[in-house]
C-alpha atoms as a PDB file:
ATOM      1  CA  UNK A   1      -6.947   5.511  28.517  1.00  0.00           C
ATOM      2  CA  UNK A   2      -8.000   1.961  29.370  1.00  0.00           C
ATOM      3  CA  UNK A   3      -8.684  -1.087  27.223  1.00  0.00           C
ATOM      4  CA  UNK A   4     -12.470  -0.658  27.254  1.00  0.00           C
ATOM      5  CA  UNK A   5     -12.289   2.938  26.019  1.00  0.00           C
ATOM      6  CA  UNK A   6     -12.812   4.060  22.422  1.00  0.00           C
ATOM      7  CA  UNK A   7      -9.648   6.133  22.791  1.00  0.00           C
ATOM      8  CA  UNK A   8      -7.825   2.796  23.123  1.00  0.00           C
ATOM      9  CA  UNK A   9      -9.631   0.876  20.399  1.00  0.00           C
ATOM     10  CA  UNK A  10     -12.461   1.970  18.113  1.00  0.00           C
ATOM     11  CA  UNK A  11     -14.548  -1.182  18.461  1.00  0.00           C
ATOM     12  CA  UNK A  12     -14.634  -1.030  22.266  1.00  0.00           C
ATOM     13  CA  UNK A  13     -18.170   0.383  22.074  1.00  0.00           C
ATOM     14  CA  UNK A  14     -19.982  -1.006  19.010  1.00  0.00           C
ATOM     15  CA  UNK A  15     -23.089   1.035  19.786  1.00  0.00           C
ATOM     16  CA  UNK A  16     -21.051   4.236  19.264  1.00  0.00           C
ATOM     17  CA  UNK A  17     -20.054   3.036  15.800  1.00  0.00           C
ATOM     18  CA  UNK A  18     -23.675   2.255  14.916  1.00  0.00           C
ATOM     19  CA  UNK A  19     -24.811   5.638  16.220  1.00  0.00           C
ATOM     20  CA  UNK A  20     -22.210   7.308  14.016  1.00  0.00           C
ATOM     21  CA  UNK A  21     -23.675   5.473  11.030  1.00  0.00           C
ATOM     22  CA  UNK A  22     -27.179   6.637  11.981  1.00  0.00           C
ATOM     23  CA  UNK A  23     -25.963  10.232  12.281  1.00  0.00           C
ATOM     24  CA  UNK A  24     -24.627  10.161   8.720  1.00  0.00           C
ATOM     25  CA  UNK A  25     -27.816   8.537   7.427  1.00  0.00           C
ATOM     26  CA  UNK A  26     -29.878  11.287   9.065  1.00  0.00           C
ATOM     27  CA  UNK A  27     -27.597  13.930   7.538  1.00  0.00           C
ATOM     28  CA  UNK A  28     -28.240  12.469   4.084  1.00  0.00           C
ATOM     29  CA  UNK A  29     -31.995  12.692   4.669  1.00  0.00           C
ATOM     30  CA  UNK A  30     -31.741  16.332   5.809  1.00  0.00           C
ATOM     31  CA  UNK A  31     -29.702  17.188   2.726  1.00  0.00           C
ATOM     32  CA  UNK A  32     -32.062  15.274   0.432  1.00  0.00           C
ATOM     33  CA  UNK A  33     -29.237  13.096  -0.885  1.00  0.00           C
ATOM     34  CA  UNK A  34     -30.123   9.465  -1.373  1.00  0.00           C
ATOM     35  CA  UNK A  35     -27.496   6.920  -0.506  1.00  0.00           C
ATOM     36  CA  UNK A  36     -26.331   4.205   1.850  1.00  0.00           C
ATOM     37  CA  UNK A  37     -23.683   4.222   4.579  1.00  0.00           C
ATOM     38  CA  UNK A  38     -21.238   1.361   5.078  1.00  0.00           C
ATOM     39  CA  UNK A  39     -18.935   0.817   8.047  1.00  0.00           C
ATOM     40  CA  UNK A  40     -15.390  -0.223   7.249  1.00  0.00           C
ATOM     41  CA  UNK A  41     -14.563  -3.817   8.116  1.00  0.00           C
ATOM     42  CA  UNK A  42     -10.830  -3.130   7.909  1.00  0.00           C
ATOM     43  CA  UNK A  43      -9.645  -4.296  11.307  1.00  0.00           C
ATOM     44  CA  UNK A  44      -6.169  -2.852  10.762  1.00  0.00           C
ATOM     45  CA  UNK A  45      -7.382   0.732  11.091  1.00  0.00           C
ATOM     46  CA  UNK A  46      -9.885   2.988  12.810  1.00  0.00           C
ATOM     47  CA  UNK A  47     -13.535   2.489  11.951  1.00  0.00           C
ATOM     48  CA  UNK A  48     -14.713   4.841   9.236  1.00  0.00           C
ATOM     49  CA  UNK A  49     -17.764   5.222   7.053  1.00  0.00           C
ATOM     50  CA  UNK A  50     -18.246   5.212   3.288  1.00  0.00           C
ATOM     51  CA  UNK A  51     -21.268   6.841   1.668  1.00  0.00           C
ATOM     52  CA  UNK A  52     -22.391   5.377  -1.663  1.00  0.00           C
ATOM     53  CA  UNK A  53     -24.880   7.649  -3.391  1.00  0.00           C
ATOM     54  CA  UNK A  54     -27.754   6.378  -5.519  1.00  0.00           C
ATOM     55  CA  UNK A  55     -27.362   7.109  -9.216  1.00  0.00           C
ATOM     56  CA  UNK A  56     -30.243   9.376 -10.142  1.00  0.00           C
ATOM     57  CA  UNK A  57     -29.898   9.134 -13.908  1.00  0.00           C
ATOM     58  CA  UNK A  58     -27.793   6.662 -15.872  1.00  0.00           C
ATOM     59  CA  UNK A  59     -26.694   9.385 -18.260  1.00  0.00           C
ATOM     60  CA  UNK A  60     -24.090   8.771 -20.931  1.00  0.00           C
ATOM     61  CA  UNK A  61     -20.431   8.989 -19.934  1.00  0.00           C
ATOM     62  CA  UNK A  62     -17.897   9.961 -22.604  1.00  0.00           C
ATOM     63  CA  UNK A  63     -14.511   8.355 -21.921  1.00  0.00           C
ATOM     64  CA  UNK A  64     -11.800  10.428 -23.621  1.00  0.00           C
ATOM     65  CA  UNK A  65      -8.415   8.775 -24.222  1.00  0.00           C
ATOM     66  CA  UNK A  66      -5.550  10.499 -26.071  1.00  0.00           C
ATOM     67  CA  UNK A  67      -2.797   8.408 -27.648  1.00  0.00           C
ATOM     68  CA  UNK A  68       0.011   8.269 -30.150  1.00  0.00           C
ATOM     69  CA  UNK A  69       0.855   4.710 -31.214  1.00  0.00           C
ATOM     70  CA  UNK A  70       1.636   2.573 -28.102  1.00  0.00           C
ATOM     71  CA  UNK A  71      -0.724  -0.034 -29.488  1.00  0.00           C
ATOM     72  CA  UNK A  72      -0.231  -2.679 -26.828  1.00  0.00           C
ATOM     73  CA  UNK A  73      -0.608  -0.255 -23.921  1.00  0.00           C
ATOM     74  CA  UNK A  74      -3.688   1.384 -25.426  1.00  0.00           C
ATOM     75  CA  UNK A  75      -5.255  -1.967 -26.249  1.00  0.00           C
ATOM     76  CA  UNK A  76      -4.804  -3.060 -22.621  1.00  0.00           C
ATOM     77  CA  UNK A  77      -6.630   0.080 -21.515  1.00  0.00           C
ATOM     78  CA  UNK A  78      -9.496  -0.397 -23.974  1.00  0.00           C
ATOM     79  CA  UNK A  79      -9.832  -4.107 -23.215  1.00  0.00           C
ATOM     80  CA  UNK A  80     -10.089  -3.415 -19.487  1.00  0.00           C
ATOM     81  CA  UNK A  81     -12.844  -0.850 -20.092  1.00  0.00           C
ATOM     82  CA  UNK A  82     -14.976  -2.933 -22.431  1.00  0.00           C
ATOM     83  CA  UNK A  83     -14.428  -6.239 -20.613  1.00  0.00           C
ATOM     84  CA  UNK A  84     -14.948  -5.037 -17.041  1.00  0.00           C
ATOM     85  CA  UNK A  85     -17.195  -1.965 -16.946  1.00  0.00           C
ATOM     86  CA  UNK A  86     -20.691  -2.674 -15.665  1.00  0.00           C
ATOM     87  CA  UNK A  87     -22.062   0.854 -16.198  1.00  0.00           C
ATOM     88  CA  UNK A  88     -24.563   0.529 -19.055  1.00  0.00           C
ATOM     89  CA  UNK A  89     -24.329   3.858 -20.864  1.00  0.00           C
ATOM     90  CA  UNK A  90     -20.963   5.066 -22.106  1.00  0.00           C
ATOM     91  CA  UNK A  91     -18.894   5.772 -25.194  1.00  0.00           C
ATOM     92  CA  UNK A  92     -15.133   5.690 -25.681  1.00  0.00           C
ATOM     93  CA  UNK A  93     -13.491   8.389 -27.799  1.00  0.00           C
ATOM     94  CA  UNK A  94      -9.914   7.541 -28.721  1.00  0.00           C
ATOM     95  CA  UNK A  95      -7.977  10.615 -29.864  1.00  0.00           C
ATOM     96  CA  UNK A  96      -5.321   9.691 -32.405  1.00  0.00           C
ATOM     97  CA  UNK A  97      -2.527  12.250 -32.133  1.00  0.00           C
ATOM     98  CA  UNK A  98      -0.163  11.527 -35.052  1.00  0.00           C
ATOM     99  CA  UNK A  99       0.016   7.737 -34.801  1.00  0.00           C
ATOM    100  CA  UNK A 100       1.908   6.107 -37.659  1.00  0.00           C
ATOM    101  CA  UNK A 101       2.166   2.402 -36.747  1.00  0.00           C
ATOM    102  CA  UNK A 102       0.190  -0.093 -38.824  1.00  0.00           C
ATOM    103  CA  UNK A 103      -0.564  -2.132 -35.698  1.00  0.00           C
ATOM    104  CA  UNK A 104      -2.289   0.884 -34.160  1.00  0.00           C
ATOM    105  CA  UNK A 105      -4.733   1.266 -37.042  1.00  0.00           C
ATOM    106  CA  UNK A 106      -5.417  -2.469 -37.046  1.00  0.00           C
ATOM    107  CA  UNK A 107      -6.283  -2.214 -33.351  1.00  0.00           C
ATOM    108  CA  UNK A 108      -8.625   0.695 -34.045  1.00  0.00           C
ATOM    109  CA  UNK A 109     -10.409  -1.283 -36.754  1.00  0.00           C
ATOM    110  CA  UNK A 110     -10.755  -4.221 -34.367  1.00  0.00           C
ATOM    111  CA  UNK A 111     -12.475  -2.102 -31.738  1.00  0.00           C
ATOM    112  CA  UNK A 112     -14.708  -0.374 -34.295  1.00  0.00           C
ATOM    113  CA  UNK A 113     -15.960  -3.790 -35.313  1.00  0.00           C
ATOM    114  CA  UNK A 114     -16.266  -5.148 -31.764  1.00  0.00           C
ATOM    115  CA  UNK A 115     -17.919  -2.030 -30.268  1.00  0.00           C
ATOM    116  CA  UNK A 116     -19.582  -0.160 -33.161  1.00  0.00           C
ATOM    117  CA  UNK A 117     -21.963   1.774 -30.896  1.00  0.00           C
ATOM    118  CA  UNK A 118     -19.548   2.561 -28.065  1.00  0.00           C
ATOM    119  CA  UNK A 119     -16.180   3.189 -29.707  1.00  0.00           C
ATOM    120  CA  UNK A 120     -14.909   5.789 -32.124  1.00  0.00           C
ATOM    121  CA  UNK A 121     -11.504   7.113 -33.041  1.00  0.00           C
ATOM    122  CA  UNK A 122     -11.037  10.770 -33.992  1.00  0.00           C
ATOM    123  CA  UNK A 123      -7.992  12.420 -35.551  1.00  0.00           C
ATOM    124  CA  UNK A 124      -6.154  15.361 -33.992  1.00  0.00           C
ATOM    125  CA  UNK A 125      -2.879  15.734 -35.822  1.00  0.00           C
ATOM    126  CA  UNK A 126      -1.548  18.913 -34.285  1.00  0.00           C
ATOM    127  CA  UNK A 127       1.484  18.964 -32.004  1.00  0.00           C
ATOM    128  CA  UNK A 128       0.926  17.267 -28.652  1.00  0.00           C
ATOM    129  CA  UNK A 129      -1.084  19.484 -26.321  1.00  0.00           C
ATOM    130  CA  UNK A 130      -3.036  17.513 -23.727  1.00  0.00           C
ATOM    131  CA  UNK A 131      -5.329  20.428 -22.927  1.00  0.00           C
ATOM    132  CA  UNK A 132      -6.275  20.945 -26.583  1.00  0.00           C
ATOM    133  CA  UNK A 133      -6.896  17.237 -27.089  1.00  0.00           C
ATOM    134  CA  UNK A 134      -9.270  17.177 -24.112  1.00  0.00           C
ATOM    135  CA  UNK A 135     -11.099  20.322 -25.185  1.00  0.00           C
ATOM    136  CA  UNK A 136     -11.610  19.198 -28.772  1.00  0.00           C
ATOM    137  CA  UNK A 137     -12.837  15.762 -27.739  1.00  0.00           C
ATOM    138  CA  UNK A 138     -15.205  17.271 -25.174  1.00  0.00           C
ATOM    139  CA  UNK A 139     -16.816  19.367 -27.927  1.00  0.00           C
ATOM    140  CA  UNK A 140     -17.715  16.320 -30.016  1.00  0.00           C
ATOM    141  CA  UNK A 141     -18.657  14.048 -27.096  1.00  0.00           C
ATOM    142  CA  UNK A 142     -22.265  12.935 -26.571  1.00  0.00           C
ATOM    143  CA  UNK A 143     -22.131  12.350 -22.818  1.00  0.00           C
ATOM    144  CA  UNK A 144     -23.438  14.430 -19.933  1.00  0.00           C
ATOM    145  CA  UNK A 145     -20.309  13.335 -18.082  1.00  0.00           C
ATOM    146  CA  UNK A 146     -16.701  13.387 -19.244  1.00  0.00           C
ATOM    147  CA  UNK A 147     -14.234  10.774 -18.044  1.00  0.00           C
ATOM    148  CA  UNK A 148     -10.696  11.815 -18.943  1.00  0.00           C
ATOM    149  CA  UNK A 149      -8.376   8.832 -19.036  1.00  0.00           C
ATOM    150  CA  UNK A 150      -4.738   8.214 -19.888  1.00  0.00           C
ATOM    151  CA  UNK A 151      -4.040   5.463 -22.389  1.00  0.00           C
ATOM    152  CA  UNK A 152      -1.475   3.941 -19.978  1.00  0.00           C
ATOM    153  CA  UNK A 153      -4.100   3.014 -17.371  1.00  0.00           C
ATOM    154  CA  UNK A 154      -5.897  -0.248 -16.706  1.00  0.00           C
ATOM    155  CA  UNK A 155      -9.306  -0.678 -15.080  1.00  0.00           C
ATOM    156  CA  UNK A 156      -9.430  -3.208 -12.229  1.00  0.00           C
ATOM    157  CA  UNK A 157     -13.029  -3.068 -10.928  1.00  0.00           C
ATOM    158  CA  UNK A 158     -16.350  -3.406 -12.706  1.00  0.00           C
ATOM    159  CA  UNK A 159     -18.076  -0.579 -10.815  1.00  0.00           C
ATOM    160  CA  UNK A 160     -15.333   2.022 -11.354  1.00  0.00           C
ATOM    161  CA  UNK A 161     -17.377   4.226 -13.687  1.00  0.00           C
ATOM    162  CA  UNK A 162     -20.581   4.006 -11.654  1.00  0.00           C
ATOM    163  CA  UNK A 163     -18.697   4.811  -8.440  1.00  0.00           C
ATOM    164  CA  UNK A 164     -17.216   7.924 -10.018  1.00  0.00           C
ATOM    165  CA  UNK A 165     -20.581   9.022 -11.391  1.00  0.00           C
ATOM    166  CA  UNK A 166     -22.171   8.677  -7.939  1.00  0.00           C
ATOM    167  CA  UNK A 167     -20.068  11.646  -6.886  1.00  0.00           C
ATOM    168  CA  UNK A 168     -19.828  13.546 -10.182  1.00  0.00           C
ATOM    169  CA  UNK A 169     -23.649  13.829 -10.369  1.00  0.00           C
ATOM    170  CA  UNK A 170     -23.749  15.817  -7.112  1.00  0.00           C
ATOM    171  CA  UNK A 171     -24.149  19.576  -7.565  1.00  0.00           C
ATOM    172  CA  UNK A 172     -21.389  20.360  -5.067  1.00  0.00           C
ATOM    173  CA  UNK A 173     -18.770  18.211  -6.790  1.00  0.00           C
ATOM    174  CA  UNK A 174     -16.360  19.324  -9.490  1.00  0.00           C
ATOM    175  CA  UNK A 175     -13.636  16.824 -10.401  1.00  0.00           C
ATOM    176  CA  UNK A 176     -13.710  13.210  -9.210  1.00  0.00           C
ATOM    177  CA  UNK A 177     -10.350  11.462  -8.931  1.00  0.00           C
ATOM    178  CA  UNK A 178      -9.356   7.934  -7.994  1.00  0.00           C
ATOM    179  CA  UNK A 179      -6.596   5.824  -6.481  1.00  0.00           C
ATOM    180  CA  UNK A 180      -3.919   5.072  -9.070  1.00  0.00           C
ATOM    181  CA  UNK A 181      -1.314   2.392  -8.488  1.00  0.00           C
ATOM    182  CA  UNK A 182       2.029   1.680 -10.049  1.00  0.00           C
ATOM    183  CA  UNK A 183       2.288  -1.863 -11.466  1.00  0.00           C
ATOM    184  CA  UNK A 184       3.934  -2.951  -8.183  1.00  0.00           C
ATOM    185  CA  UNK A 185       0.693  -1.911  -6.384  1.00  0.00           C
ATOM    186  CA  UNK A 186       2.154   1.112  -4.594  1.00  0.00           C
ATOM    187  CA  UNK A 187       0.508   4.534  -4.710  1.00  0.00           C
ATOM    188  CA  UNK A 188       1.001   6.716  -7.771  1.00  0.00           C
ATOM    189  CA  UNK A 189      -1.909   9.068  -6.992  1.00  0.00           C
ATOM    190  CA  UNK A 190      -4.159   9.528  -3.975  1.00  0.00           C
ATOM    191  CA  UNK A 191      -4.888  13.235  -4.332  1.00  0.00           C
ATOM    192  CA  UNK A 192      -2.824  16.332  -5.186  1.00  0.00           C
ATOM    193  CA  UNK A 193      -1.330  18.709  -2.606  1.00  0.00           C
ATOM    194  CA  UNK A 194      -0.853  22.269  -3.873  1.00  0.00           C
ATOM    195  CA  UNK A 195       2.535  23.690  -2.859  1.00  0.00           C
ATOM    196  CA  UNK A 196       4.157  20.281  -2.483  1.00  0.00           C
ATOM    197  CA  UNK A 197       7.691  20.537  -3.852  1.00  0.00           C
ATOM    198  CA  UNK A 198       7.114  24.227  -4.543  1.00  0.00           C
ATOM    199  CA  UNK A 199       4.293  23.765  -7.068  1.00  0.00           C
ATOM    200  CA  UNK A 200       2.027  20.723  -6.650  1.00  0.00           C
ATOM    201  CA  UNK A 201       2.503  16.998  -6.176  1.00  0.00           C
ATOM    202  CA  UNK A 202       0.788  13.703  -5.492  1.00  0.00           C
ATOM    203  CA  UNK A 203       0.281  12.552  -1.921  1.00  0.00           C
ATOM    204  CA  UNK A 204       1.676   9.262  -0.552  1.00  0.00           C
ATOM    205  CA  UNK A 205       3.612   8.340  -3.697  1.00  0.00           C
ATOM    206  CA  UNK A 206       5.277   4.954  -3.223  1.00  0.00           C
ATOM    207  CA  UNK A 207       3.228   3.977  -0.149  1.00  0.00           C
ATOM    208  CA  UNK A 208       1.584   0.568  -0.007  1.00  0.00           C
ATOM    209  CA  UNK A 209      -1.888   0.410  -1.544  1.00  0.00           C
ATOM    210  CA  UNK A 210      -3.686   0.248   1.818  1.00  0.00           C
ATOM    211  CA  UNK A 211      -0.995   1.633   4.096  1.00  0.00           C
ATOM    212  CA  UNK A 212      -2.013   2.893   7.537  1.00  0.00           C
ATOM    213  CA  UNK A 213      -0.985   6.519   7.082  1.00  0.00           C
ATOM    214  CA  UNK A 214      -2.219   9.824   8.514  1.00  0.00           C
ATOM    215  CA  UNK A 215      -5.728   9.036   9.721  1.00  0.00           C
ATOM    216  CA  UNK A 216      -6.106   6.396   6.997  1.00  0.00           C
ATOM    217  CA  UNK A 217      -6.026   9.068   4.295  1.00  0.00           C
ATOM    218  CA  UNK A 218      -5.364   6.561   1.517  1.00  0.00           C
ATOM    219  CA  UNK A 219      -8.475   4.582   2.485  1.00  0.00           C
ATOM    220  CA  UNK A 220     -11.088   7.305   2.931  1.00  0.00           C
ATOM    221  CA  UNK A 221     -13.034   9.596   0.609  1.00  0.00           C
ATOM    222  CA  UNK A 222     -11.426  13.032   0.896  1.00  0.00           C
ATOM    223  CA  UNK A 223     -11.591  16.496  -0.583  1.00  0.00           C
ATOM    224  CA  UNK A 224      -8.412  17.671  -2.296  1.00  0.00           C
ATOM    225  CA  UNK A 225      -7.858  20.930  -4.105  1.00  0.00           C
ATOM    226  CA  UNK A 226      -6.892  18.909  -7.175  1.00  0.00           C
ATOM    227  CA  UNK A 227      -6.770  15.381  -8.577  1.00  0.00           C
ATOM    228  CA  UNK A 228      -4.963  14.047 -11.626  1.00  0.00           C
ATOM    229  CA  UNK A 229      -6.594  13.893 -15.054  1.00  0.00           C
ATOM    230  CA  UNK A 230      -5.002  10.500 -15.646  1.00  0.00           C
ATOM    231  CA  UNK A 231      -8.457   9.390 -14.496  1.00  0.00           C
ATOM    232  CA  UNK A 232     -10.933  12.193 -13.799  1.00  0.00           C
ATOM    233  CA  UNK A 233     -14.701  12.533 -14.157  1.00  0.00           C
ATOM    234  CA  UNK A 234     -16.614  15.803 -14.345  1.00  0.00           C
ATOM    235  CA  UNK A 235     -20.035  16.912 -15.529  1.00  0.00           C
ATOM    236  CA  UNK A 236     -19.759  18.305 -19.044  1.00  0.00           C
ATOM    237  CA  UNK A 237     -21.741  21.378 -18.003  1.00  0.00           C
ATOM    238  CA  UNK A 238     -19.169  22.105 -15.289  1.00  0.00           C
ATOM    239  CA  UNK A 239     -16.297  21.495 -17.724  1.00  0.00           C
ATOM    240  CA  UNK A 240     -17.844  24.075 -20.056  1.00  0.00           C
ATOM    241  CA  UNK A 241     -18.542  26.483 -17.193  1.00  0.00           C
ATOM    242  CA  UNK A 242     -14.793  26.970 -16.615  1.00  0.00           C
ATOM    243  CA  UNK A 243     -13.986  26.812 -20.357  1.00  0.00           C
ATOM    244  CA  UNK A 244     -12.359  23.411 -20.054  1.00  0.00           C
ATOM    245  CA  UNK A 245      -8.586  23.085 -19.945  1.00  0.00           C
ATOM    246  CA  UNK A 246      -6.252  26.038 -20.493  1.00  0.00           C
ATOM    247  CA  UNK A 247      -4.249  25.208 -23.610  1.00  0.00           C
ATOM    248  CA  UNK A 248      -1.336  27.324 -22.345  1.00  0.00           C
ATOM    249  CA  UNK A 249      -0.573  24.263 -20.180  1.00  0.00           C
ATOM    250  CA  UNK A 250       0.287  21.904 -23.025  1.00  0.00           C
ATOM    251  CA  UNK A 251       1.728  19.095 -20.889  1.00  0.00           C
ATOM    252  CA  UNK A 252       2.192  19.979 -17.213  1.00  0.00           C
ATOM    253  CA  UNK A 253      -0.269  21.236 -14.598  1.00  0.00           C
ATOM    254  CA  UNK A 254      -3.230  21.481 -16.999  1.00  0.00           C
ATOM    255  CA  UNK A 255      -5.272  19.180 -14.755  1.00  0.00           C
ATOM    256  CA  UNK A 256      -4.283  21.000 -11.557  1.00  0.00           C
ATOM    257  CA  UNK A 257      -5.089  24.350 -13.160  1.00  0.00           C
ATOM    258  CA  UNK A 258      -8.474  22.929 -14.247  1.00  0.00           C
ATOM    259  CA  UNK A 259      -9.254  21.670 -10.746  1.00  0.00           C
ATOM    260  CA  UNK A 260      -8.333  25.000  -9.157  1.00  0.00           C
ATOM    261  CA  UNK A 261     -10.640  26.796 -11.579  1.00  0.00           C
ATOM    262  CA  UNK A 262     -13.396  24.493 -10.328  1.00  0.00           C
ATOM    263  CA  UNK A 263     -12.451  25.190  -6.721  1.00  0.00           C
ATOM    264  CA  UNK A 264     -12.548  28.918  -7.336  1.00  0.00           C
ATOM    265  CA  UNK A 265     -16.128  28.434  -8.567  1.00  0.00           C
ATOM    266  CA  UNK A 266     -17.057  26.767  -5.267  1.00  0.00           C
ATOM    267  CA  UNK A 267     -16.956  23.120  -6.347  1.00  0.00           C
ATOM    268  CA  UNK A 268     -15.351  20.397  -4.256  1.00  0.00           C
ATOM    269  CA  UNK A 269     -12.827  18.085  -5.904  1.00  0.00           C
ATOM    270  CA  UNK A 270     -12.833  14.610  -4.430  1.00  0.00           C
ATOM    271  CA  UNK A 271     -10.643  11.513  -4.167  1.00  0.00           C
ATOM    272  CA  UNK A 272     -12.226   8.035  -4.158  1.00  0.00           C
ATOM    273  CA  UNK A 273     -10.153   5.231  -2.605  1.00  0.00           C
ATOM    274  CA  UNK A 274     -12.561   2.478  -3.645  1.00  0.00           C
ATOM    275  CA  UNK A 275     -11.926   3.138  -7.349  1.00  0.00           C
ATOM    276  CA  UNK A 276      -8.513   1.725  -8.244  1.00  0.00           C
ATOM    277  CA  UNK A 277      -6.714   1.666 -11.593  1.00  0.00           C
ATOM    278  CA  UNK A 278      -3.196   0.660 -12.558  1.00  0.00           C
ATOM    279  CA  UNK A 279      -1.202   3.511 -14.063  1.00  0.00           C
ATOM    280  CA  UNK A 280       1.876   2.768 -16.132  1.00  0.00           C
ATOM    281  CA  UNK A 281       2.935   6.393 -15.624  1.00  0.00           C
ATOM    282  CA  UNK A 282       4.653   8.451 -18.340  1.00  0.00           C
ATOM    283  CA  UNK A 283       4.956   5.597 -20.815  1.00  0.00           C
ATOM    284  CA  UNK A 284       3.197   7.884 -23.277  1.00  0.00           C
ATOM    285  CA  UNK A 285       5.179  11.120 -23.184  1.00  0.00           C
ATOM    286  CA  UNK A 286       8.446  10.440 -21.359  1.00  0.00           C
ATOM    287  CA  UNK A 287      10.323  12.759 -19.021  1.00  0.00           C
ATOM    288  CA  UNK A 288       9.651  16.537 -19.247  1.00  0.00           C
ATOM    289  CA  UNK A 289      13.410  17.229 -19.361  1.00  0.00           C
ATOM    290  CA  UNK A 290      14.112  14.906 -22.289  1.00  0.00           C
ATOM    291  CA  UNK A 291      15.005  17.758 -24.671  1.00  0.00           C
ATOM    292  CA  UNK A 292      15.947  21.421 -24.319  1.00  0.00           C
ATOM    293  CA  UNK A 293      12.627  22.375 -25.927  1.00  0.00           C
ATOM    294  CA  UNK A 294      10.563  20.260 -23.523  1.00  0.00           C
ATOM    295  CA  UNK A 295      12.541  21.542 -20.535  1.00  0.00           C
ATOM    296  CA  UNK A 296      11.934  25.172 -21.537  1.00  0.00           C
ATOM    297  CA  UNK A 297       8.246  24.431 -22.004  1.00  0.00           C
ATOM    298  CA  UNK A 298       8.202  22.804 -18.555  1.00  0.00           C
ATOM    299  CA  UNK A 299       9.712  25.942 -16.982  1.00  0.00           C
ATOM    300  CA  UNK A 300       7.244  28.172 -18.816  1.00  0.00           C
ATOM    301  CA  UNK A 301       4.295  26.190 -17.491  1.00  0.00           C
ATOM    302  CA  UNK A 302       5.713  26.258 -13.952  1.00  0.00           C
ATOM    303  CA  UNK A 303       6.014  30.048 -14.090  1.00  0.00           C
ATOM    304  CA  UNK A 304       2.498  30.435 -15.470  1.00  0.00           C
ATOM    305  CA  UNK A 305       1.099  28.208 -12.723  1.00  0.00           C
ATOM    306  CA  UNK A 306       2.903  30.230 -10.029  1.00  0.00           C
ATOM    307  CA  UNK A 307       1.648  33.478 -11.495  1.00  0.00           C
ATOM    308  CA  UNK A 308      -1.945  32.267 -11.527  1.00  0.00           C
ATOM    309  CA  UNK A 309      -2.214  30.162  -8.389  1.00  0.00           C
ATOM    310  CA  UNK A 310       0.282  31.518  -5.845  1.00  0.00           C
ATOM    311  CA  UNK A 311      -2.506  31.843  -3.270  1.00  0.00           C
ATOM    312  CA  UNK A 312      -3.009  28.064  -3.329  1.00  0.00           C
ATOM    313  CA  UNK A 313       0.725  27.357  -3.392  1.00  0.00           C
ATOM    314  CA  UNK A 314       1.042  29.469  -0.238  1.00  0.00           C
ATOM    315  CA  UNK A 315      -1.895  27.707   1.414  1.00  0.00           C
ATOM    316  CA  UNK A 316      -3.799  24.746   0.065  1.00  0.00           C
ATOM    317  CA  UNK A 317      -7.157  24.921   1.910  1.00  0.00           C
ATOM    318  CA  UNK A 318      -7.397  21.107   1.837  1.00  0.00           C
ATOM    319  CA  UNK A 319      -3.998  20.639   3.516  1.00  0.00           C
ATOM    320  CA  UNK A 320      -2.970  21.569   7.049  1.00  0.00           C
ATOM    321  CA  UNK A 321      -0.295  24.332   7.005  1.00  0.00           C
ATOM    322  CA  UNK A 322       1.561  22.554   9.810  1.00  0.00           C
ATOM    323  CA  UNK A 323       2.327  19.623   7.500  1.00  0.00           C
ATOM    324  CA  UNK A 324       5.332  19.211   5.237  1.00  0.00           C
ATOM    325  CA  UNK A 325       5.499  20.555   1.698  1.00  0.00           C
ATOM    326  CA  UNK A 326       8.749  18.674   1.147  1.00  0.00           C
ATOM    327  CA  UNK A 327       7.308  15.188   1.608  1.00  0.00           C
ATOM    328  CA  UNK A 328       3.885  14.028   0.443  1.00  0.00           C
ATOM    329  CA  UNK A 329       3.251  11.744   3.432  1.00  0.00           C
ATOM    330  CA  UNK A 330       1.424  14.310   5.612  1.00  0.00           C
ATOM    331  CA  UNK A 331       4.369  14.423   8.025  1.00  0.00           C
ATOM    332  CA  UNK A 332       4.851  17.400  10.363  1.00  0.00           C
ATOM    333  CA  UNK A 333       6.635  20.398   8.898  1.00  0.00           C
ATOM    334  CA  UNK A 334      10.128  20.778  10.368  1.00  0.00           C
END
């Protein structure tokens, strides 16, 4: 290795970087996928490329948000969507699951008045079951695309919805996930590793937003076997193809189970680093071990997941078997 070699520094031979860009552009042409290729200008890491696909049809996106009370948190989420989103064709369906605070209903009325054509609130007053809430809302949605979103999230970029749809429109893609940050701007979600911690877990939790980790994994578009439904887009036709969410997973692992059903059908689930939301995690439902009942439900859902998806727990095809399943930082297994 010497200082003028690309094995020493990636920008030693700029023509090699440009030729890499041309190779990707030619691959897009061969595959009849229209898009543009950008070269990273992040000087702190290796050069890499980002493909942004052209949106073929600005079809309606149905944003589905479940909530119970938590007026201030939910209002922050809704405000960020309506004030920032530049995608022109979407609706927001707020699912009211047993709210009983006057302030909540006042907020709903405010948004009905402010966004009469893009906002509606529907009632689902059964016991909390995230999977059922998603399935019922999907049935009444008008969009060709579903965007499942937690009420404790906050949009940060205007093109978030369009960027997700770029990928969700592709026939090979199942679920599209994004980078989620804790309020202190560290990673809450950058893809899900099956088998991590014995079941499944998020990668790089607690790392800095743009940390230089394992081949810049936080910064690049990657396939994962699963992504979180705290912010997930999927074509409605694909959602229906796998019969949506399994309502046996009332709280835990319903999104991972959904993604693995997609993977079993041959779809790729994908993580987008350039779409970033803040996630005030678990404000809505609290800790799974809060009561004896919730703990027993948690154990039941763990056992069901193991029974159904042991093959992925034993080997996640999107994760190198030589890497740790104890830590989510892609460190070597010891």
